[in-house]
Amino acid sequence: MTRIAVLLIVLSLAACGTKGSLELPPGPAPEPLFGSGKTASLDVSTPTRTKNQ
């Protein structure tokens, strides 16, 4: 029974990614499903140090 489970797991993992890379169809981008699609911009950059520190 465990051999069947192992075989199914191996086959399912082997099938991952065999369809190829995902591509968007040509044309304009689709509208977002929820809201305007604009997110609040957060400053996540690392602060730079000056030479005095």
PDB file of N, CA and C in Angstrom:
ATOM      1  N   MET A   1       0.822  -1.201   0.000  1.00  0.00           N
ATOM      2  CA  MET A   1       0.000   0.000   0.000  1.00  0.00           C
ATOM      3  C   MET A   1       0.863   1.261   0.000  1.00  0.00           C
ATOM      4  N   THR A   2       1.958   1.230   0.753  1.00  0.00           N
ATOM      5  CA  THR A   2       2.835   2.405   0.779  1.00  0.00           C
ATOM      6  C   THR A   2       3.558   2.577  -0.552  1.00  0.00           C
ATOM      7  N   ARG A   3       3.776   1.484  -1.253  1.00  0.00           N
ATOM      8  CA  ARG A   3       4.418   1.594  -2.565  1.00  0.00           C
ATOM      9  C   ARG A   3       3.518   2.326  -3.540  1.00  0.00           C
ATOM     10  N   ILE A   4       2.226   2.082  -3.451  1.00  0.00           N
ATOM     11  CA  ILE A   4       1.275   2.771  -4.329  1.00  0.00           C
ATOM     12  C   ILE A   4       1.239   4.256  -4.000  1.00  0.00           C
ATOM     13  N   ALA A   5       1.249   4.592  -2.713  1.00  0.00           N
ATOM     14  CA  ALA A   5       1.239   5.995  -2.299  1.00  0.00           C
ATOM     15  C   ALA A   5       2.505   6.704  -2.767  1.00  0.00           C
ATOM     16  N   VAL A   6       3.650   6.050  -2.605  1.00  0.00           N
ATOM     17  CA  VAL A   6       4.919   6.639  -3.049  1.00  0.00           C
ATOM     18  C   VAL A   6       4.911   6.818  -4.561  1.00  0.00           C
ATOM     19  N   LEU A   7       4.398   5.846  -5.276  1.00  0.00           N
ATOM     20  CA  LEU A   7       4.344   5.934  -6.729  1.00  0.00           C
ATOM     21  C   LEU A   7       3.440   7.081  -7.174  1.00  0.00           C
ATOM     22  N   LEU A   8       2.292   7.254  -6.523  1.00  0.00           N
ATOM     23  CA  LEU A   8       1.396   8.356  -6.867  1.00  0.00           C
ATOM     24  C   LEU A   8       2.029   9.713  -6.573  1.00  0.00           C
ATOM     25  N   ILE A   9       2.737   9.821  -5.461  1.00  0.00           N
ATOM     26  CA  ILE A   9       3.407  11.078  -5.130  1.00  0.00           C
ATOM     27  C   ILE A   9       4.499  11.385  -6.149  1.00  0.00           C
ATOM     28  N   VAL A  10       5.287  10.406  -6.507  1.00  0.00           N
ATOM     29  CA  VAL A  10       6.366  10.612  -7.478  1.00  0.00           C
ATOM     30  C   VAL A  10       5.800  11.008  -8.835  1.00  0.00           C
ATOM     31  N   LEU A  11       4.745  10.340  -9.262  1.00  0.00           N
ATOM     32  CA  LEU A  11       4.156  10.680 -10.560  1.00  0.00           C
ATOM     33  C   LEU A  11       3.516  12.064 -10.554  1.00  0.00           C
ATOM     34  N   SER A  12       2.893  12.439  -9.450  1.00  0.00           N
ATOM     35  CA  SER A  12       2.273  13.761  -9.401  1.00  0.00           C
ATOM     36  C   SER A  12       3.329  14.856  -9.378  1.00  0.00           C
ATOM     37  N   LEU A  13       4.436  14.615  -8.703  1.00  0.00           N
ATOM     38  CA  LEU A  13       5.511  15.608  -8.703  1.00  0.00           C
ATOM     39  C   LEU A  13       6.216  15.668 -10.057  1.00  0.00           C
ATOM     40  N   ALA A  14       6.291  14.550 -10.738  1.00  0.00           N
ATOM     41  CA  ALA A  14       6.931  14.527 -12.048  1.00  0.00           C
ATOM     42  C   ALA A  14       6.090  15.267 -13.076  1.00  0.00           C
ATOM     43  N   ALA A  15       4.788  15.321 -12.859  1.00  0.00           N
ATOM     44  CA  ALA A  15       3.903  15.982 -13.812  1.00  0.00           C
ATOM     45  C   ALA A  15       3.878  17.492 -13.615  1.00  0.00           C
ATOM     46  N   CYS A  16       4.411  17.977 -12.502  1.00  0.00           N
ATOM     47  CA  CYS A  16       4.399  19.423 -12.251  1.00  0.00           C
ATOM     48  C   CYS A  16       5.289  20.138 -13.260  1.00  0.00           C
ATOM     49  N   GLY A  17       4.770  21.168 -13.861  1.00  0.00           N
ATOM     50  CA  GLY A  17       5.556  21.984 -14.774  1.00  0.00           C
ATOM     51  C   GLY A  17       5.705  21.417 -16.166  1.00  0.00           C
ATOM     52  N   THR A  18       5.025  20.335 -16.483  1.00  0.00           N
ATOM     53  CA  THR A  18       5.194  19.767 -17.811  1.00  0.00           C
ATOM     54  C   THR A  18       4.366  20.505 -18.862  1.00  0.00           C
ATOM     55  N   LYS A  19       3.465  21.386 -18.424  1.00  0.00           N
ATOM     56  CA  LYS A  19       2.632  22.094 -19.380  1.00  0.00           C
ATOM     57  C   LYS A  19       3.371  23.292 -19.988  1.00  0.00           C
ATOM     58  N   GLY A  20       4.464  23.690 -19.423  1.00  0.00           N
ATOM     59  CA  GLY A  20       5.228  24.812 -19.941  1.00  0.00           C
ATOM     60  C   GLY A  20       4.994  26.061 -19.109  1.00  0.00           C
ATOM     61  N   SER A  21       5.645  27.138 -19.518  1.00  0.00           N
ATOM     62  CA  SER A  21       5.524  28.379 -18.759  1.00  0.00           C
ATOM     63  C   SER A  21       4.184  29.043 -19.039  1.00  0.00           C
ATOM     64  N   LEU A  22       3.696  29.783 -18.063  1.00  0.00           N
ATOM     65  CA  LEU A  22       2.433  30.478 -18.212  1.00  0.00           C
ATOM     66  C   LEU A  22       2.647  31.780 -18.977  1.00  0.00           C
ATOM     67  N   GLU A  23       1.739  32.089 -19.873  1.00  0.00           N
ATOM     68  CA  GLU A  23       1.835  33.312 -20.663  1.00  0.00           C
ATOM     69  C   GLU A  23       0.484  33.996 -20.683  1.00  0.00           C
ATOM     70  N   LEU A  24       0.506  35.328 -20.654  1.00  0.00           N
ATOM     71  CA  LEU A  24      -0.736  36.086 -20.772  1.00  0.00           C
ATOM     72  C   LEU A  24      -1.128  36.170 -22.240  1.00  0.00           C
ATOM     73  N   PRO A  25      -2.396  36.154 -22.528  1.00  0.00           N
ATOM     74  CA  PRO A  25      -2.820  36.292 -23.912  1.00  0.00           C
ATOM     75  C   PRO A  25      -2.520  37.707 -24.411  1.00  0.00           C
ATOM     76  N   PRO A  26      -2.368  37.878 -25.713  1.00  0.00           N
ATOM     77  CA  PRO A  26      -2.086  39.214 -26.248  1.00  0.00           C
ATOM     78  C   PRO A  26      -3.265  40.154 -26.014  1.00  0.00           C
ATOM     79  N   GLY A  27      -2.963  41.434 -25.888  1.00  0.00           N
ATOM     80  CA  GLY A  27      -4.010  42.425 -25.681  1.00  0.00           C
ATOM     81  C   GLY A  27      -3.824  43.155 -24.368  1.00  0.00           C
ATOM     82  N   PRO A  28      -4.784  43.993 -24.023  1.00  0.00           N
ATOM     83  CA  PRO A  28      -4.650  44.762 -22.789  1.00  0.00           C
ATOM     84  C   PRO A  28      -4.779  43.864 -21.553  1.00  0.00           C
ATOM     85  N   ALA A  29      -4.222  44.350 -20.461  1.00  0.00           N
ATOM     86  CA  ALA A  29      -4.272  43.588 -19.212  1.00  0.00           C
ATOM     87  C   ALA A  29      -5.709  43.525 -18.716  1.00  0.00           C
ATOM     88  N   PRO A  30      -6.095  42.407 -18.113  1.00  0.00           N
ATOM     89  CA  PRO A  30      -7.464  42.292 -17.610  1.00  0.00           C
ATOM     90  C   PRO A  30      -7.681  43.193 -16.402  1.00  0.00           C
ATOM     91  N   GLU A  31      -8.945  43.541 -16.175  1.00  0.00           N
ATOM     92  CA  GLU A  31      -9.294  44.372 -15.026  1.00  0.00           C
ATOM     93  C   GLU A  31      -9.114  43.562 -13.743  1.00  0.00           C
ATOM     94  N   PRO A  32      -8.696  44.209 -12.650  1.00  0.00           N
ATOM     95  CA  PRO A  32      -8.564  43.480 -11.385  1.00  0.00           C
ATOM     96  C   PRO A  32      -9.931  43.041 -10.861  1.00  0.00           C
ATOM     97  N   LEU A  33      -9.951  41.928 -10.165  1.00  0.00           N
ATOM     98  CA  LEU A  33     -11.214  41.397  -9.656  1.00  0.00           C
ATOM     99  C   LEU A  33     -11.763  42.217  -8.498  1.00  0.00           C
ATOM    100  N   PHE A  34     -10.886  42.684  -7.625  1.00  0.00           N
ATOM    101  CA  PHE A  34     -11.323  43.413  -6.444  1.00  0.00           C
ATOM    102  C   PHE A  34     -10.641  44.774  -6.406  1.00  0.00           C
ATOM    103  N   GLY A  35     -11.399  45.832  -6.271  1.00  0.00           N
ATOM    104  CA  GLY A  35     -10.839  47.169  -6.110  1.00  0.00           C
ATOM    105  C   GLY A  35     -10.174  47.689  -7.368  1.00  0.00           C
ATOM    106  N   SER A  36      -9.356  48.700  -7.164  1.00  0.00           N
ATOM    107  CA  SER A  36      -8.718  49.344  -8.302  1.00  0.00           C
ATOM    108  C   SER A  36      -7.400  48.691  -8.685  1.00  0.00           C
ATOM    109  N   GLY A  37      -6.890  47.814  -7.840  1.00  0.00           N
ATOM    110  CA  GLY A  37      -5.635  47.156  -8.145  1.00  0.00           C
ATOM    111  C   GLY A  37      -4.422  47.959  -7.739  1.00  0.00           C
ATOM    112  N   LYS A  38      -4.644  49.169  -7.218  1.00  0.00           N
ATOM    113  CA  LYS A  38      -3.534  49.993  -6.781  1.00  0.00           C
ATOM    114  C   LYS A  38      -3.322  49.758  -5.292  1.00  0.00           C
ATOM    115  N   THR A  39      -2.095  49.446  -4.925  1.00  0.00           N
ATOM    116  CA  THR A  39      -1.786  49.219  -3.524  1.00  0.00           C
ATOM    117  C   THR A  39      -1.060  50.424  -2.964  1.00  0.00           C
ATOM    118  N   ALA A  40      -1.132  50.572  -1.681  1.00  0.00           N
ATOM    119  CA  ALA A  40      -0.427  51.674  -1.027  1.00  0.00           C
ATOM    120  C   ALA A  40       1.068  51.422  -1.140  1.00  0.00           C
ATOM    121  N   SER A  41       1.794  52.425  -1.560  1.00  0.00           N
ATOM    122  CA  SER A  41       3.231  52.252  -1.709  1.00  0.00           C
ATOM    123  C   SER A  41       3.894  52.443  -0.353  1.00  0.00           C
ATOM    124  N   LEU A  42       4.627  51.448   0.049  1.00  0.00           N
ATOM    125  CA  LEU A  42       5.334  51.482   1.319  1.00  0.00           C
ATOM    126  C   LEU A  42       6.824  51.627   1.049  1.00  0.00           C
ATOM    127  N   ASP A  43       7.485  52.452   1.853  1.00  0.00           N
ATOM    128  CA  ASP A  43       8.920  52.627   1.706  1.00  0.00           C
ATOM    129  C   ASP A  43       9.614  51.522   2.485  1.00  0.00           C
ATOM    130  N   VAL A  44      10.107  50.536   1.790  1.00  0.00           N
ATOM    131  CA  VAL A  44      10.769  49.417   2.435  1.00  0.00           C
ATOM    132  C   VAL A  44      12.261  49.419   2.146  1.00  0.00           C
ATOM    133  N   SER A  45      12.767  50.544   1.657  1.00  0.00           N
ATOM    134  CA  SER A  45      14.179  50.617   1.327  1.00  0.00           C
ATOM    135  C   SER A  45      15.019  50.697   2.605  1.00  0.00           C
ATOM    136  N   THR A  46      16.224  50.223   2.503  1.00  0.00           N
ATOM    137  CA  THR A  46      17.143  50.261   3.633  1.00  0.00           C
ATOM    138  C   THR A  46      17.702  51.675   3.765  1.00  0.00           C
ATOM    139  N   PRO A  47      17.650  52.247   4.960  1.00  0.00           N
ATOM    140  CA  PRO A  47      18.198  53.596   5.102  1.00  0.00           C
ATOM    141  C   PRO A  47      19.695  53.600   4.858  1.00  0.00           C
ATOM    142  N   THR A  48      20.166  54.634   4.203  1.00  0.00           N
ATOM    143  CA  THR A  48      21.587  54.736   3.929  1.00  0.00           C
ATOM    144  C   THR A  48      22.289  55.437   5.075  1.00  0.00           C
ATOM    145  N   ARG A  49      23.496  55.071   5.312  1.00  0.00           N
ATOM    146  CA  ARG A  49      24.272  55.677   6.393  1.00  0.00           C
ATOM    147  C   ARG A  49      25.152  56.779   5.822  1.00  0.00           C
ATOM    148  N   THR A  50      25.311  57.808   6.584  1.00  0.00           N
ATOM    149  CA  THR A  50      26.215  58.871   6.175  1.00  0.00           C
ATOM    150  C   THR A  50      27.591  58.568   6.709  1.00  0.00           C
ATOM    151  N   LYS A  51      28.574  59.312   6.252  1.00  0.00           N
ATOM    152  CA  LYS A  51      29.961  59.063   6.659  1.00  0.00           C
ATOM    153  C   LYS A  51      30.188  59.430   8.128  1.00  0.00           C
ATOM    154  N   ASN A  52      29.340  60.245   8.725  1.00  0.00           N
ATOM    155  CA  ASN A  52      29.522  60.679  10.105  1.00  0.00           C
ATOM    156  C   ASN A  52      29.149  59.595  11.103  1.00  0.00           C
ATOM    157  N   GLN A  53      28.434  58.596  10.704  1.00  0.00           N
ATOM    158  CA  GLN A  53      27.981  57.567  11.657  1.00  0.00           C
ATOM    159  C   GLN A  53      28.975  56.485  11.825  1.00  0.00           C
TER     160      GLN A  53
END
